[in-house]
Amino acid sequence: MGIPKVLSLMFHGVVDEIPDYATFSGSRTCLLRQTDFESTIRWCVRRHRILRLSELEDFLTSSSTETAVLLTFDDGLASAVDSAAPVLAAYGVSAAVFLTTQWTQLGRTPAIFLLERE
């Protein structure tokens, strides 16, 4: 029996250009340029099966020996819909988006969402 492998890629935000205020510690950022995101998705599609979150359990319990990719977005930034979704649709794949719902009860804006303000 083979051992299936899953490469999980987690993204936060996809933008046309990374603004200076979204860069910290020199060159680190949680944002990815849309052109780089598209290159990443193209590379994944050419080499691996892209799983939907609903397929993950079945894949992991299968006898497959292939490596699959699971695409996820943390924090529910608008760019997951505005910038990433069109790229995903163009390649016929999807991603899971995890929303940060606890913040709605705290009455504060999480720092990650401040990146979306102009």
PDB file of N, CA and C in Angstrom:
ATOM      1  N   MET A   1       0.847  -1.185   0.000  1.00  0.00           N
ATOM      2  CA  MET A   1       0.000   0.000   0.000  1.00  0.00           C
ATOM      3  C   MET A   1       0.887   1.240   0.000  1.00  0.00           C
ATOM      4  N   GLY A   2       0.570   2.174  -0.871  1.00  0.00           N
ATOM      5  CA  GLY A   2       1.353   3.399  -0.957  1.00  0.00           C
ATOM      6  C   GLY A   2       0.979   4.385   0.132  1.00  0.00           C
ATOM      7  N   ILE A   3       1.771   5.387   0.235  1.00  0.00           N
ATOM      8  CA  ILE A   3       1.502   6.444   1.203  1.00  0.00           C
ATOM      9  C   ILE A   3       1.253   7.738   0.433  1.00  0.00           C
ATOM     10  N   PRO A   4       0.011   8.229   0.450  1.00  0.00           N
ATOM     11  CA  PRO A   4      -0.258   9.478  -0.251  1.00  0.00           C
ATOM     12  C   PRO A   4       0.414  10.644   0.465  1.00  0.00           C
ATOM     13  N   LYS A   5       0.809  11.615  -0.306  1.00  0.00           N
ATOM     14  CA  LYS A   5       1.472  12.797   0.246  1.00  0.00           C
ATOM     15  C   LYS A   5       0.694  14.041  -0.173  1.00  0.00           C
ATOM     16  N   VAL A   6       0.573  14.973   0.762  1.00  0.00           N
ATOM     17  CA  VAL A   6      -0.124  16.223   0.472  1.00  0.00           C
ATOM     18  C   VAL A   6       0.789  17.392   0.811  1.00  0.00           C
ATOM     19  N   LEU A   7       0.981  18.239  -0.155  1.00  0.00           N
ATOM     20  CA  LEU A   7       1.695  19.490   0.036  1.00  0.00           C
ATOM     21  C   LEU A   7       0.629  20.560   0.250  1.00  0.00           C
ATOM     22  N   SER A   8       0.596  21.153   1.425  1.00  0.00           N
ATOM     23  CA  SER A   8      -0.400  22.172   1.730  1.00  0.00           C
ATOM     24  C   SER A   8       0.242  23.551   1.609  1.00  0.00           C
ATOM     25  N   LEU A   9      -0.283  24.341   0.688  1.00  0.00           N
ATOM     26  CA  LEU A   9       0.217  25.701   0.490  1.00  0.00           C
ATOM     27  C   LEU A   9      -0.776  26.678   1.102  1.00  0.00           C
ATOM     28  N   MET A  10      -0.311  27.489   2.035  1.00  0.00           N
ATOM     29  CA  MET A  10      -1.158  28.436   2.732  1.00  0.00           C
ATOM     30  C   MET A  10      -0.793  29.852   2.295  1.00  0.00           C
ATOM     31  N   PHE A  11      -1.803  30.573   1.872  1.00  0.00           N
ATOM     32  CA  PHE A  11      -1.628  31.953   1.435  1.00  0.00           C
ATOM     33  C   PHE A  11      -2.417  32.880   2.358  1.00  0.00           C
ATOM     34  N   HIS A  12      -2.042  34.161   2.362  1.00  0.00           N
ATOM     35  CA  HIS A  12      -2.816  35.172   3.083  1.00  0.00           C
ATOM     36  C   HIS A  12      -3.478  36.117   2.094  1.00  0.00           C
ATOM     37  N   GLY A  13      -2.688  36.780   1.285  1.00  0.00           N
ATOM     38  CA  GLY A  13      -3.246  37.754   0.365  1.00  0.00           C
ATOM     39  C   GLY A  13      -2.518  37.756  -0.960  1.00  0.00           C
ATOM     40  N   VAL A  14      -3.250  38.101  -2.020  1.00  0.00           N
ATOM     41  CA  VAL A  14      -2.705  38.170  -3.377  1.00  0.00           C
ATOM     42  C   VAL A  14      -3.001  39.579  -3.894  1.00  0.00           C
ATOM     43  N   VAL A  15      -1.959  40.273  -4.318  1.00  0.00           N
ATOM     44  CA  VAL A  15      -2.101  41.675  -4.725  1.00  0.00           C
ATOM     45  C   VAL A  15      -1.349  41.929  -6.030  1.00  0.00           C
ATOM     46  N   ASP A  16      -1.691  43.044  -6.697  1.00  0.00           N
ATOM     47  CA  ASP A  16      -0.951  43.420  -7.908  1.00  0.00           C
ATOM     48  C   ASP A  16       0.491  43.759  -7.563  1.00  0.00           C
ATOM     49  N   GLU A  17       0.668  44.627  -6.603  1.00  0.00           N
ATOM     50  CA  GLU A  17       1.998  45.019  -6.125  1.00  0.00           C
ATOM     51  C   GLU A  17       1.970  45.074  -4.606  1.00  0.00           C
ATOM     52  N   ILE A  18       3.047  44.674  -3.986  1.00  0.00           N
ATOM     53  CA  ILE A  18       3.116  44.676  -2.526  1.00  0.00           C
ATOM     54  C   ILE A  18       3.458  46.089  -2.051  1.00  0.00           C
ATOM     55  N   PRO A  19       2.556  46.715  -1.292  1.00  0.00           N
ATOM     56  CA  PRO A  19       2.831  48.068  -0.813  1.00  0.00           C
ATOM     57  C   PRO A  19       3.919  48.062   0.262  1.00  0.00           C
ATOM     58  N   ASP A  20       4.620  49.162   0.375  1.00  0.00           N
ATOM     59  CA  ASP A  20       5.702  49.267   1.360  1.00  0.00           C
ATOM     60  C   ASP A  20       5.222  48.971   2.776  1.00  0.00           C
ATOM     61  N   TYR A  21       4.016  49.440   3.117  1.00  0.00           N
ATOM     62  CA  TYR A  21       3.537  49.256   4.487  1.00  0.00           C
ATOM     63  C   TYR A  21       3.247  47.789   4.823  1.00  0.00           C
ATOM     64  N   ALA A  22       3.180  46.926   3.813  1.00  0.00           N
ATOM     65  CA  ALA A  22       2.912  45.511   4.054  1.00  0.00           C
ATOM     66  C   ALA A  22       4.187  44.689   4.143  1.00  0.00           C
ATOM     67  N   THR A  23       5.330  45.364   4.111  1.00  0.00           N
ATOM     68  CA  THR A  23       6.621  44.688   4.214  1.00  0.00           C
ATOM     69  C   THR A  23       7.189  44.945   5.602  1.00  0.00           C
ATOM     70  N   PHE A  24       7.657  43.887   6.240  1.00  0.00           N
ATOM     71  CA  PHE A  24       8.235  44.028   7.570  1.00  0.00           C
ATOM     72  C   PHE A  24       9.503  43.191   7.668  1.00  0.00           C
ATOM     73  N   SER A  25      10.302  43.469   8.644  1.00  0.00           N
ATOM     74  CA  SER A  25      11.583  42.767   8.847  1.00  0.00           C
ATOM     75  C   SER A  25      12.425  42.773   7.577  1.00  0.00           C
ATOM     76  N   GLY A  26      12.482  43.905   6.918  1.00  0.00           N
ATOM     77  CA  GLY A  26      13.305  44.017   5.719  1.00  0.00           C
ATOM     78  C   GLY A  26      12.559  43.686   4.453  1.00  0.00           C
ATOM     79  N   SER A  27      12.287  42.407   4.227  1.00  0.00           N
ATOM     80  CA  SER A  27      11.641  42.019   2.973  1.00  0.00           C
ATOM     81  C   SER A  27      10.507  41.022   3.170  1.00  0.00           C
ATOM     82  N   ARG A  28      10.146  40.721   4.386  1.00  0.00           N
ATOM     83  CA  ARG A  28       9.091  39.739   4.641  1.00  0.00           C
ATOM     84  C   ARG A  28       7.714  40.358   4.480  1.00  0.00           C
ATOM     85  N   THR A  29       6.814  39.585   3.955  1.00  0.00           N
ATOM     86  CA  THR A  29       5.431  40.024   3.806  1.00  0.00           C
ATOM     87  C   THR A  29       4.538  38.793   3.787  1.00  0.00           C
ATOM     88  N   CYS A  30       3.284  38.989   4.123  1.00  0.00           N
ATOM     89  CA  CYS A  30       2.332  37.875   4.041  1.00  0.00           C
ATOM     90  C   CYS A  30       1.515  37.969   2.754  1.00  0.00           C
ATOM     91  N   LEU A  31       1.897  38.877   1.886  1.00  0.00           N
ATOM     92  CA  LEU A  31       1.212  39.050   0.607  1.00  0.00           C
ATOM     93  C   LEU A  31       2.056  38.483  -0.524  1.00  0.00           C
ATOM     94  N   LEU A  32       1.394  38.086  -1.589  1.00  0.00           N
ATOM     95  CA  LEU A  32       2.065  37.534  -2.763  1.00  0.00           C
ATOM     96  C   LEU A  32       1.567  38.293  -3.988  1.00  0.00           C
ATOM     97  N   ARG A  33       2.493  38.656  -4.854  1.00  0.00           N
ATOM     98  CA  ARG A  33       2.091  39.316  -6.102  1.00  0.00           C
ATOM     99  C   ARG A  33       1.241  38.349  -6.931  1.00  0.00           C
ATOM    100  N   GLN A  34       0.239  38.891  -7.611  1.00  0.00           N
ATOM    101  CA  GLN A  34      -0.657  38.049  -8.401  1.00  0.00           C
ATOM    102  C   GLN A  34       0.114  37.271  -9.471  1.00  0.00           C
ATOM    103  N   THR A  35       1.119  37.883 -10.070  1.00  0.00           N
ATOM    104  CA  THR A  35       1.907  37.174 -11.092  1.00  0.00           C
ATOM    105  C   THR A  35       2.653  35.991 -10.478  1.00  0.00           C
ATOM    106  N   ASP A  36       3.166  36.164  -9.264  1.00  0.00           N
ATOM    107  CA  ASP A  36       3.849  35.062  -8.579  1.00  0.00           C
ATOM    108  C   ASP A  36       2.860  33.982  -8.153  1.00  0.00           C
ATOM    109  N   PHE A  37       1.668  34.413  -7.733  1.00  0.00           N
ATOM    110  CA  PHE A  37       0.626  33.452  -7.367  1.00  0.00           C
ATOM    111  C   PHE A  37       0.243  32.611  -8.577  1.00  0.00           C
ATOM    112  N   GLU A  38       0.043  33.269  -9.714  1.00  0.00           N
ATOM    113  CA  GLU A  38      -0.313  32.527 -10.924  1.00  0.00           C
ATOM    114  C   GLU A  38       0.794  31.550 -11.317  1.00  0.00           C
ATOM    115  N   SER A  39       2.032  31.955 -11.209  1.00  0.00           N
ATOM    116  CA  SER A  39       3.152  31.047 -11.510  1.00  0.00           C
ATOM    117  C   SER A  39       3.144  29.840 -10.584  1.00  0.00           C
ATOM    118  N   THR A  40       2.845  30.072  -9.318  1.00  0.00           N
ATOM    119  CA  THR A  40       2.778  28.979  -8.342  1.00  0.00           C
ATOM    120  C   THR A  40       1.663  28.007  -8.692  1.00  0.00           C
ATOM    121  N   ILE A  41       0.491  28.536  -9.016  1.00  0.00           N
ATOM    122  CA  ILE A  41      -0.647  27.677  -9.366  1.00  0.00           C
ATOM    123  C   ILE A  41      -0.352  26.911 -10.653  1.00  0.00           C
ATOM    124  N   ARG A  42       0.217  27.576 -11.638  1.00  0.00           N
ATOM    125  CA  ARG A  42       0.567  26.905 -12.894  1.00  0.00           C
ATOM    126  C   ARG A  42       1.537  25.753 -12.627  1.00  0.00           C
ATOM    127  N   TRP A  43       2.550  25.983 -11.809  1.00  0.00           N
ATOM    128  CA  TRP A  43       3.530  24.943 -11.467  1.00  0.00           C
ATOM    129  C   TRP A  43       2.836  23.766 -10.787  1.00  0.00           C
ATOM    130  N   CYS A  44       1.952  24.061  -9.846  1.00  0.00           N
ATOM    131  CA  CYS A  44       1.244  22.996  -9.125  1.00  0.00           C
ATOM    132  C   CYS A  44       0.370  22.167 -10.059  1.00  0.00           C
ATOM    133  N   VAL A  45      -0.387  22.846 -10.918  1.00  0.00           N
ATOM    134  CA  VAL A  45      -1.308  22.154 -11.828  1.00  0.00           C
ATOM    135  C   VAL A  45      -0.555  21.249 -12.797  1.00  0.00           C
ATOM    136  N   ARG A  46       0.593  21.696 -13.253  1.00  0.00           N
ATOM    137  CA  ARG A  46       1.372  20.898 -14.207  1.00  0.00           C
ATOM    138  C   ARG A  46       1.984  19.653 -13.567  1.00  0.00           C
ATOM    139  N   ARG A  47       2.211  19.686 -12.276  1.00  0.00           N
ATOM    140  CA  ARG A  47       2.951  18.604 -11.629  1.00  0.00           C
ATOM    141  C   ARG A  47       2.139  17.742 -10.672  1.00  0.00           C
ATOM    142  N   HIS A  48       1.033  18.267 -10.165  1.00  0.00           N
ATOM    143  CA  HIS A  48       0.315  17.564  -9.104  1.00  0.00           C
ATOM    144  C   HIS A  48      -1.192  17.671  -9.272  1.00  0.00           C
ATOM    145  N   ARG A  49      -1.876  16.797  -8.594  1.00  0.00           N
ATOM    146  CA  ARG A  49      -3.325  16.877  -8.477  1.00  0.00           C
ATOM    147  C   ARG A  49      -3.634  17.929  -7.409  1.00  0.00           C
ATOM    148  N   ILE A  50      -4.570  18.818  -7.693  1.00  0.00           N
ATOM    149  CA  ILE A  50      -4.987  19.825  -6.723  1.00  0.00           C
ATOM    150  C   ILE A  50      -6.260  19.311  -6.050  1.00  0.00           C
ATOM    151  N   LEU A  51      -6.197  19.151  -4.740  1.00  0.00           N
ATOM    152  CA  LEU A  51      -7.331  18.625  -3.986  1.00  0.00           C
ATOM    153  C   LEU A  51      -8.274  19.734  -3.540  1.00  0.00           C
ATOM    154  N   ARG A  52      -9.546  19.396  -3.484  1.00  0.00           N
ATOM    155  CA  ARG A  52     -10.506  20.222  -2.756  1.00  0.00           C
ATOM    156  C   ARG A  52     -10.411  19.772  -1.296  1.00  0.00           C
ATOM    157  N   LEU A  53     -10.747  20.641  -0.373  1.00  0.00           N
ATOM    158  CA  LEU A  53     -10.706  20.266   1.036  1.00  0.00           C
ATOM    159  C   LEU A  53     -11.593  19.050   1.298  1.00  0.00           C
ATOM    160  N   SER A  54     -12.714  18.966   0.605  1.00  0.00           N
ATOM    161  CA  SER A  54     -13.643  17.842   0.786  1.00  0.00           C
ATOM    162  C   SER A  54     -13.062  16.515   0.301  1.00  0.00           C
ATOM    163  N   GLU A  55     -11.999  16.548  -0.476  1.00  0.00           N
ATOM    164  CA  GLU A  55     -11.363  15.324  -0.980  1.00  0.00           C
ATOM    165  C   GLU A  55     -10.193  14.860  -0.117  1.00  0.00           C
ATOM    166  N   LEU A  56      -9.786  15.682   0.835  1.00  0.00           N
ATOM    167  CA  LEU A  56      -8.560  15.414   1.586  1.00  0.00           C
ATOM    168  C   LEU A  56      -8.598  14.093   2.344  1.00  0.00           C
ATOM    169  N   GLU A  57      -9.632  13.839   3.112  1.00  0.00           N
ATOM    170  CA  GLU A  57      -9.685  12.609   3.912  1.00  0.00           C
ATOM    171  C   GLU A  57      -9.641  11.366   3.026  1.00  0.00           C
ATOM    172  N   ASP A  58     -10.436  11.351   1.966  1.00  0.00           N
ATOM    173  CA  ASP A  58     -10.426  10.192   1.065  1.00  0.00           C
ATOM    174  C   ASP A  58      -9.053   9.997   0.439  1.00  0.00           C
ATOM    175  N   PHE A  59      -8.405  11.084   0.065  1.00  0.00           N
ATOM    176  CA  PHE A  59      -7.079  10.972  -0.538  1.00  0.00           C
ATOM    177  C   PHE A  59      -6.080  10.396   0.456  1.00  0.00           C
ATOM    178  N   LEU A  60      -6.112  10.890   1.688  1.00  0.00           N
ATOM    179  CA  LEU A  60      -5.148  10.429   2.691  1.00  0.00           C
ATOM    180  C   LEU A  60      -5.353   8.975   3.097  1.00  0.00           C
ATOM    181  N   THR A  61      -6.561   8.470   2.952  1.00  0.00           N
ATOM    182  CA  THR A  61      -6.823   7.072   3.302  1.00  0.00           C
ATOM    183  C   THR A  61      -6.779   6.155   2.078  1.00  0.00           C
ATOM    184  N   SER A  62      -6.408   6.705   0.945  1.00  0.00           N
ATOM    185  CA  SER A  62      -6.320   5.909  -0.282  1.00  0.00           C
ATOM    186  C   SER A  62      -4.961   5.222  -0.372  1.00  0.00           C
ATOM    187  N   SER A  63      -4.808   4.423  -1.391  1.00  0.00           N
ATOM    188  CA  SER A  63      -3.526   3.743  -1.616  1.00  0.00           C
ATOM    189  C   SER A  63      -2.665   4.501  -2.627  1.00  0.00           C
ATOM    190  N   SER A  64      -3.054   5.714  -2.927  1.00  0.00           N
ATOM    191  CA  SER A  64      -2.313   6.519  -3.895  1.00  0.00           C
ATOM    192  C   SER A  64      -0.890   6.784  -3.413  1.00  0.00           C
ATOM    193  N   THR A  65       0.020   6.795  -4.355  1.00  0.00           N
ATOM    194  CA  THR A  65       1.410   7.145  -4.026  1.00  0.00           C
ATOM    195  C   THR A  65       1.775   8.515  -4.600  1.00  0.00           C
ATOM    196  N   GLU A  66       0.790   9.173  -5.197  1.00  0.00           N
ATOM    197  CA  GLU A  66       1.064  10.484  -5.783  1.00  0.00           C
ATOM    198  C   GLU A  66       1.113  11.569  -4.710  1.00  0.00           C
ATOM    199  N   THR A  67       1.684  12.689  -5.078  1.00  0.00           N
ATOM    200  CA  THR A  67       1.683  13.866  -4.222  1.00  0.00           C
ATOM    201  C   THR A  67       0.611  14.812  -4.739  1.00  0.00           C
ATOM    202  N   ALA A  68      -0.264  15.230  -3.853  1.00  0.00           N
ATOM    203  CA  ALA A  68      -1.314  16.178  -4.211  1.00  0.00           C
ATOM    204  C   ALA A  68      -1.046  17.496  -3.488  1.00  0.00           C
ATOM    205  N   VAL A  69      -1.734  18.527  -3.930  1.00  0.00           N
ATOM    206  CA  VAL A  69      -1.575  19.857  -3.343  1.00  0.00           C
ATOM    207  C   VAL A  69      -2.930  20.328  -2.829  1.00  0.00           C
ATOM    208  N   LEU A  70      -2.922  20.892  -1.631  1.00  0.00           N
ATOM    209  CA  LEU A  70      -4.100  21.524  -1.047  1.00  0.00           C
ATOM    210  C   LEU A  70      -3.795  23.013  -0.913  1.00  0.00           C
ATOM    211  N   LEU A  71      -4.642  23.847  -1.487  1.00  0.00           N
ATOM    212  CA  LEU A  71      -4.451  25.300  -1.457  1.00  0.00           C
ATOM    213  C   LEU A  71      -5.380  25.906  -0.413  1.00  0.00           C
ATOM    214  N   THR A  72      -4.829  26.737   0.476  1.00  0.00           N
ATOM    215  CA  THR A  72      -5.645  27.365   1.503  1.00  0.00           C
ATOM    216  C   THR A  72      -5.303  28.846   1.642  1.00  0.00           C
ATOM    217  N   PHE A  73      -6.286  29.597   2.114  1.00  0.00           N
ATOM    218  CA  PHE A  73      -6.107  31.014   2.436  1.00  0.00           C
ATOM    219  C   PHE A  73      -6.528  31.222   3.880  1.00  0.00           C
ATOM    220  N   ASP A  74      -5.669  31.854   4.658  1.00  0.00           N
ATOM    221  CA  ASP A  74      -5.987  32.186   6.042  1.00  0.00           C
ATOM    222  C   ASP A  74      -6.520  33.612   6.133  1.00  0.00           C
ATOM    223  N   ASP A  75      -7.343  33.839   7.109  1.00  0.00           N
ATOM    224  CA  ASP A  75      -7.798  35.162   7.545  1.00  0.00           C
ATOM    225  C   ASP A  75      -8.930  35.769   6.727  1.00  0.00           C
ATOM    226  N   GLY A  76      -9.268  35.222   5.579  1.00  0.00           N
ATOM    227  CA  GLY A  76     -10.409  35.730   4.822  1.00  0.00           C
ATOM    228  C   GLY A  76     -10.234  37.118   4.243  1.00  0.00           C
ATOM    229  N   LEU A  77      -9.033  37.449   3.807  1.00  0.00           N
ATOM    230  CA  LEU A  77      -8.817  38.747   3.161  1.00  0.00           C
ATOM    231  C   LEU A  77      -9.595  38.814   1.844  1.00  0.00           C
ATOM    232  N   ALA A  78     -10.042  39.998   1.493  1.00  0.00           N
ATOM    233  CA  ALA A  78     -10.820  40.185   0.264  1.00  0.00           C
ATOM    234  C   ALA A  78     -10.056  39.743  -0.972  1.00  0.00           C
ATOM    235  N   SER A  79      -8.742  39.820  -0.939  1.00  0.00           N
ATOM    236  CA  SER A  79      -7.957  39.458  -2.126  1.00  0.00           C
ATOM    237  C   SER A  79      -8.058  37.977  -2.473  1.00  0.00           C
ATOM    238  N   ALA A  80      -8.496  37.150  -1.524  1.00  0.00           N
ATOM    239  CA  ALA A  80      -8.710  35.733  -1.844  1.00  0.00           C
ATOM    240  C   ALA A  80      -9.804  35.597  -2.899  1.00  0.00           C
ATOM    241  N   VAL A  81     -10.769  36.499  -2.850  1.00  0.00           N
ATOM    242  CA  VAL A  81     -11.859  36.504  -3.831  1.00  0.00           C
ATOM    243  C   VAL A  81     -11.513  37.401  -5.016  1.00  0.00           C
ATOM    244  N   ASP A  82     -11.058  38.601  -4.727  1.00  0.00           N
ATOM    245  CA  ASP A  82     -10.828  39.593  -5.779  1.00  0.00           C
ATOM    246  C   ASP A  82      -9.662  39.246  -6.706  1.00  0.00           C
ATOM    247  N   SER A  83      -8.572  38.750  -6.163  1.00  0.00           N
ATOM    248  CA  SER A  83      -7.364  38.518  -6.963  1.00  0.00           C
ATOM    249  C   SER A  83      -7.038  37.049  -7.185  1.00  0.00           C
ATOM    250  N   ALA A  84      -7.228  36.230  -6.166  1.00  0.00           N
ATOM    251  CA  ALA A  84      -6.847  34.821  -6.284  1.00  0.00           C
ATOM    252  C   ALA A  84      -7.898  33.981  -7.007  1.00  0.00           C
ATOM    253  N   ALA A  85      -9.167  34.211  -6.721  1.00  0.00           N
ATOM    254  CA  ALA A  85     -10.226  33.381  -7.309  1.00  0.00           C
ATOM    255  C   ALA A  85     -10.206  33.367  -8.838  1.00  0.00           C
ATOM    256  N   PRO A  86      -9.994  34.498  -9.515  1.00  0.00           N
ATOM    257  CA  PRO A  86      -9.933  34.443 -10.981  1.00  0.00           C
ATOM    258  C   PRO A  86      -8.784  33.567 -11.501  1.00  0.00           C
ATOM    259  N   VAL A  87      -7.658  33.592 -10.812  1.00  0.00           N
ATOM    260  CA  VAL A  87      -6.523  32.745 -11.210  1.00  0.00           C
ATOM    261  C   VAL A  87      -6.882  31.278 -10.997  1.00  0.00           C
ATOM    262  N   LEU A  88      -7.453  30.967  -9.848  1.00  0.00           N
ATOM    263  CA  LEU A  88      -7.847  29.587  -9.561  1.00  0.00           C
ATOM    264  C   LEU A  88      -8.863  29.096 -10.589  1.00  0.00           C
ATOM    265  N   ALA A  89      -9.839  29.941 -10.920  1.00  0.00           N
ATOM    266  CA  ALA A  89     -10.862  29.565 -11.903  1.00  0.00           C
ATOM    267  C   ALA A  89     -10.245  29.319 -13.273  1.00  0.00           C
ATOM    268  N   ALA A  90      -9.274  30.132 -13.648  1.00  0.00           N
ATOM    269  CA  ALA A  90      -8.623  29.970 -14.951  1.00  0.00           C
ATOM    270  C   ALA A  90      -7.925  28.620 -15.070  1.00  0.00           C
ATOM    271  N   TYR A  91      -7.468  28.091 -13.949  1.00  0.00           N
ATOM    272  CA  TYR A  91      -6.791  26.789 -13.954  1.00  0.00           C
ATOM    273  C   TYR A  91      -7.713  25.652 -13.523  1.00  0.00           C
ATOM    274  N   GLY A  92      -8.968  25.963 -13.258  1.00  0.00           N
ATOM    275  CA  GLY A  92      -9.944  24.939 -12.908  1.00  0.00           C
ATOM    276  C   GLY A  92      -9.715  24.292 -11.557  1.00  0.00           C
ATOM    277  N   VAL A  93      -9.164  25.047 -10.611  1.00  0.00           N
ATOM    278  CA  VAL A  93      -8.915  24.505  -9.272  1.00  0.00           C
ATOM    279  C   VAL A  93      -9.557  25.421  -8.228  1.00  0.00           C
ATOM    280  N   SER A  94      -9.600  24.940  -7.001  1.00  0.00           N
ATOM    281  CA  SER A  94     -10.182  25.746  -5.931  1.00  0.00           C
ATOM    282  C   SER A  94      -9.260  25.748  -4.722  1.00  0.00           C
ATOM    283  N   ALA A  95      -9.609  26.582  -3.766  1.00  0.00           N
ATOM    284  CA  ALA A  95      -8.850  26.672  -2.517  1.00  0.00           C
ATOM    285  C   ALA A  95      -9.840  26.774  -1.367  1.00  0.00           C
ATOM    286  N   ALA A  96      -9.411  26.340  -0.204  1.00  0.00           N
ATOM    287  CA  ALA A  96     -10.206  26.511   1.010  1.00  0.00           C
ATOM    288  C   ALA A  96      -9.848  27.865   1.614  1.00  0.00           C
ATOM    289  N   VAL A  97     -10.862  28.600   2.043  1.00  0.00           N
ATOM    290  CA  VAL A  97     -10.641  29.896   2.684  1.00  0.00           C
ATOM    291  C   VAL A  97     -11.108  29.780   4.131  1.00  0.00           C
ATOM    292  N   PHE A  98     -10.195  30.046   5.049  1.00  0.00           N
ATOM    293  CA  PHE A  98     -10.506  29.975   6.473  1.00  0.00           C
ATOM    294  C   PHE A  98     -10.722  31.391   7.000  1.00  0.00           C
ATOM    295  N   LEU A  99     -11.915  31.631   7.503  1.00  0.00           N
ATOM    296  CA  LEU A  99     -12.275  32.954   8.001  1.00  0.00           C
ATOM    297  C   LEU A  99     -11.949  33.073   9.485  1.00  0.00           C
ATOM    298  N   THR A 100     -11.484  34.235   9.884  1.00  0.00           N
ATOM    299  CA  THR A 100     -11.173  34.507  11.281  1.00  0.00           C
ATOM    300  C   THR A 100     -12.427  35.068  11.935  1.00  0.00           C
ATOM    301  N   THR A 101     -13.290  34.197  12.422  1.00  0.00           N
ATOM    302  CA  THR A 101     -14.580  34.645  12.952  1.00  0.00           C
ATOM    303  C   THR A 101     -14.501  35.164  14.380  1.00  0.00           C
ATOM    304  N   GLN A 102     -13.501  34.766  15.144  1.00  0.00           N
ATOM    305  CA  GLN A 102     -13.403  35.210  16.536  1.00  0.00           C
ATOM    306  C   GLN A 102     -13.327  36.733  16.633  1.00  0.00           C
ATOM    307  N   TRP A 103     -12.716  37.364  15.642  1.00  0.00           N
ATOM    308  CA  TRP A 103     -12.552  38.815  15.682  1.00  0.00           C
ATOM    309  C   TRP A 103     -13.888  39.541  15.660  1.00  0.00           C
ATOM    310  N   THR A 104     -14.911  38.947  15.106  1.00  0.00           N
ATOM    311  CA  THR A 104     -16.209  39.624  15.060  1.00  0.00           C
ATOM    312  C   THR A 104     -16.793  39.789  16.456  1.00  0.00           C
ATOM    313  N   GLN A 105     -16.383  38.954  17.387  1.00  0.00           N
ATOM    314  CA  GLN A 105     -16.888  39.033  18.758  1.00  0.00           C
ATOM    315  C   GLN A 105     -16.059  39.970  19.631  1.00  0.00           C
ATOM    316  N   LEU A 106     -14.856  40.305  19.200  1.00  0.00           N
ATOM    317  CA  LEU A 106     -13.963  41.117  20.022  1.00  0.00           C
ATOM    318  C   LEU A 106     -14.127  42.616  19.799  1.00  0.00           C
ATOM    319  N   GLY A 107     -14.772  43.000  18.700  1.00  0.00           N
ATOM    320  CA  GLY A 107     -14.984  44.409  18.430  1.00  0.00           C
ATOM    321  C   GLY A 107     -13.733  45.164  18.013  1.00  0.00           C
ATOM    322  N   ARG A 108     -12.707  44.443  17.534  1.00  0.00           N
ATOM    323  CA  ARG A 108     -11.466  45.074  17.071  1.00  0.00           C
ATOM    324  C   ARG A 108     -11.171  44.578  15.663  1.00  0.00           C
ATOM    325  N   THR A 109     -10.414  45.381  14.949  1.00  0.00           N
ATOM    326  CA  THR A 109      -9.961  44.973  13.625  1.00  0.00           C
ATOM    327  C   THR A 109      -8.612  44.289  13.770  1.00  0.00           C
ATOM    328  N   PRO A 110      -8.492  43.029  13.311  1.00  0.00           N
ATOM    329  CA  PRO A 110      -7.194  42.363  13.388  1.00  0.00           C
ATOM    330  C   PRO A 110      -6.172  43.076  12.505  1.00  0.00           C
ATOM    331  N   ALA A 111      -4.935  43.066  12.929  1.00  0.00           N
ATOM    332  CA  ALA A 111      -3.873  43.768  12.198  1.00  0.00           C
ATOM    333  C   ALA A 111      -3.790  43.335  10.745  1.00  0.00           C
ATOM    334  N   ILE A 112      -4.018  42.069  10.459  1.00  0.00           N
ATOM    335  CA  ILE A 112      -3.902  41.575   9.084  1.00  0.00           C
ATOM    336  C   ILE A 112      -4.897  42.292   8.167  1.00  0.00           C
ATOM    337  N   PHE A 113      -6.065  42.676   8.687  1.00  0.00           N
ATOM    338  CA  PHE A 113      -7.051  43.359   7.860  1.00  0.00           C
ATOM    339  C   PHE A 113      -6.678  44.812   7.601  1.00  0.00           C
ATOM    340  N   LEU A 114      -5.807  45.362   8.407  1.00  0.00           N
ATOM    341  CA  LEU A 114      -5.359  46.729   8.176  1.00  0.00           C
ATOM    342  C   LEU A 114      -4.553  46.824   6.889  1.00  0.00           C
ATOM    343  N   LEU A 115      -4.024  45.695   6.414  1.00  0.00           N
ATOM    344  CA  LEU A 115      -3.284  45.685   5.152  1.00  0.00           C
ATOM    345  C   LEU A 115      -4.179  45.999   3.963  1.00  0.00           C
ATOM    346  N   GLU A 116      -5.477  45.863   4.122  1.00  0.00           N
ATOM    347  CA  GLU A 116      -6.397  46.099   3.018  1.00  0.00           C
ATOM    348  C   GLU A 116      -6.885  47.539   2.956  1.00  0.00           C
ATOM    349  N   ARG A 117      -6.482  48.341   3.895  1.00  0.00           N
ATOM    350  CA  ARG A 117      -6.900  49.743   3.893  1.00  0.00           C
ATOM    351  C   ARG A 117      -5.952  50.563   3.050  1.00  0.00           C
ATOM    352  N   GLU A 118      -6.485  51.569   2.411  1.00  0.00           N
ATOM    353  CA  GLU A 118      -5.632  52.449   1.604  1.00  0.00           C
ATOM    354  C   GLU A 118      -5.321  53.719   2.348  1.00  0.00           C
TER     355      GLU A 118
END
